[in-house]
């Protein structure tokens, strides 16, 4: 008699009969179906300690990040904060103007000048500032001695803790009309120069300041990604005959690709935010024609000119465009095979 025709024992048959099949045919240990998914109430009781720990942070985010979004209603009003000492009462009693503020924005040449300056600074910083932390991280990671690597990392990261006032003061002492570079040129018979007040070079000046101050922060992120790369991959590539550059191209850069894609998406989301404090401190030195960006445009019209509804409308337009840029950049990351900010 063949093995397939041997009758099973009564116990085996009873066990099989008592084990209901799941819809997808999956069974748990011993032929039992998998455990059912715990209910929401059960998960809440199980994780209540963690939920209580995160509750203060959630409350702060809701209070300072989401509740103020309701204030965007002033973009559709001729908002007057002096109607009442209570801001809510002022909003309720301010006259409704509908889309008038948005119409004024699209007809304002100063607004489009601010948009143009913002986009120019963004693309310039994307091309010059974004790749530098990657290159510096690769350079530091190639250093063999850990002590030299730690010193280089600390020196590059230190300017991140400086305020923009201090950063601009340092550049003023170096590139200003009475700065070190200008004095050095005069000592050798040349005319001095003042980069800090030149509108034509302002965009490059702002980019250089951003690189000096914040490149160290990007290095930390990319070095953390490089630390997760298994040394076995480098050893296997070396055994296959790959030289140093080949190992960097086929092992190191693919390991950094998800982090680069994520940071690039976030950077595109901040395309219309190019450094409010940094530019505001230097706006008067070069003039609004070269230094006016969307953030300073909103500040100037809202805080200085007291035109709160108009400034809120400009800020709302900026926010909507930023959301669209994030979604578009995240879609590009998905097409490249990366996760981006969120999965598909």
Foldseek 3Di string as FASTA:
>chain_A
DDPVPDDDDPVVVVQQVVADADPVRDADPPSHRDDDDDDPVVVCVVCVVVVVVCVVVVVVCCVPPPVCVVVLQLLQFQFDCPPDVDNVVSSVPTHGRGCPLVVVLVVDPLNVLQAVLLLVLLVVLVVPQLCVLVVVLVVLVPDDDPVVSVVVLCQQQVLLPDDLVVLVVVCCQDQAQVHDQQVVQVVVPHHGHGLLQALVCVSVVLSVSCNSRCSSVSSVVLNVLQVPFDVVLVVVCVVVPDDPVRCCVPGVVVSCVQVSLQVVLVSQLCSQPSDDVNLVVSCVSHHCSRRRHLVVVLCCCCVVVVSPNSSSNSVVVSNVVSVVRSVVSCVVCVVVVYCHPHHD
